[in-house]
Amino acid sequence: MEALISTFHIDWHLIIAQAVNFVVVIVVLWYFALRPIGKLME
């Protein structure tokens, strides 16, 4: 496993930070874009 991580230069801190950022963007889009558009379509 260590060889795989060093071969592909995987940085777990960066992967976790990107996952958190992705979740934040999805929540913001849901709250400010998708919910109002859904209400407008009703």
C-alpha atoms as a PDB file:
ATOM      1  CA  MET A   1       0.000   0.000   0.000  1.00  0.00           C
ATOM      2  CA  GLU A   2       2.835   2.383   0.818  1.00  0.00           C
ATOM      3  CA  ALA A   3       4.335   1.780  -2.635  1.00  0.00           C
ATOM      4  CA  LEU A   4       1.007   2.660  -4.247  1.00  0.00           C
ATOM      5  CA  ILE A   5       0.747   5.877  -2.240  1.00  0.00           C
ATOM      6  CA  SER A   6       4.295   6.918  -3.088  1.00  0.00           C
ATOM      7  CA  THR A   7       3.875   5.978  -6.759  1.00  0.00           C
ATOM      8  CA  PHE A   8       0.786   8.115  -7.284  1.00  0.00           C
ATOM      9  CA  HIS A   9       1.805  10.818  -4.760  1.00  0.00           C
ATOM     10  CA  ILE A  10      -1.457  10.516  -2.818  1.00  0.00           C
ATOM     11  CA  ASP A  11      -1.823  13.124  -0.081  1.00  0.00           C
ATOM     12  CA  TRP A  12      -4.622  12.160   2.299  1.00  0.00           C
ATOM     13  CA  HIS A  13      -4.904  15.655   3.763  1.00  0.00           C
ATOM     14  CA  LEU A  14      -5.557  17.067   0.309  1.00  0.00           C
ATOM     15  CA  ILE A  15      -8.143  14.384  -0.508  1.00  0.00           C
ATOM     16  CA  ILE A  16     -10.028  15.066   2.733  1.00  0.00           C
ATOM     17  CA  ALA A  17      -9.939  18.834   2.150  1.00  0.00           C
ATOM     18  CA  GLN A  18     -11.268  18.398  -1.389  1.00  0.00           C
ATOM     19  CA  ALA A  19     -14.053  16.124  -0.155  1.00  0.00           C
ATOM     20  CA  VAL A  20     -15.096  18.708   2.450  1.00  0.00           C
ATOM     21  CA  ASN A  21     -15.040  21.457  -0.185  1.00  0.00           C
ATOM     22  CA  PHE A  22     -17.149  19.322  -2.514  1.00  0.00           C
ATOM     23  CA  VAL A  23     -19.769  18.765   0.187  1.00  0.00           C
ATOM     24  CA  VAL A  24     -19.872  22.501   0.955  1.00  0.00           C
ATOM     25  CA  VAL A  25     -20.406  23.362  -2.720  1.00  0.00           C
ATOM     26  CA  ILE A  26     -23.190  20.778  -3.051  1.00  0.00           C
ATOM     27  CA  VAL A  27     -24.967  22.123   0.052  1.00  0.00           C
ATOM     28  CA  VAL A  28     -24.698  25.732  -1.160  1.00  0.00           C
ATOM     29  CA  LEU A  29     -25.988  24.822  -4.612  1.00  0.00           C
ATOM     30  CA  TRP A  30     -28.872  22.870  -3.120  1.00  0.00           C
ATOM     31  CA  TYR A  31     -29.842  25.686  -0.767  1.00  0.00           C
ATOM     32  CA  PHE A  32     -29.483  28.650  -3.139  1.00  0.00           C
ATOM     33  CA  ALA A  33     -30.159  27.144  -6.571  1.00  0.00           C
ATOM     34  CA  LEU A  34     -32.027  23.859  -6.640  1.00  0.00           C
ATOM     35  CA  ARG A  35     -34.557  24.517  -3.898  1.00  0.00           C
ATOM     36  CA  PRO A  36     -35.769  27.876  -5.317  1.00  0.00           C
ATOM     37  CA  ILE A  37     -35.931  26.415  -8.824  1.00  0.00           C
ATOM     38  CA  GLY A  38     -37.995  23.499  -7.509  1.00  0.00           C
ATOM     39  CA  LYS A  39     -40.407  25.874  -5.808  1.00  0.00           C
ATOM     40  CA  LEU A  40     -40.659  27.967  -8.966  1.00  0.00           C
ATOM     41  CA  MET A  41     -41.462  24.895 -11.059  1.00  0.00           C
ATOM     42  CA  GLU A  42     -44.307  23.888  -8.729  1.00  0.00           C
END
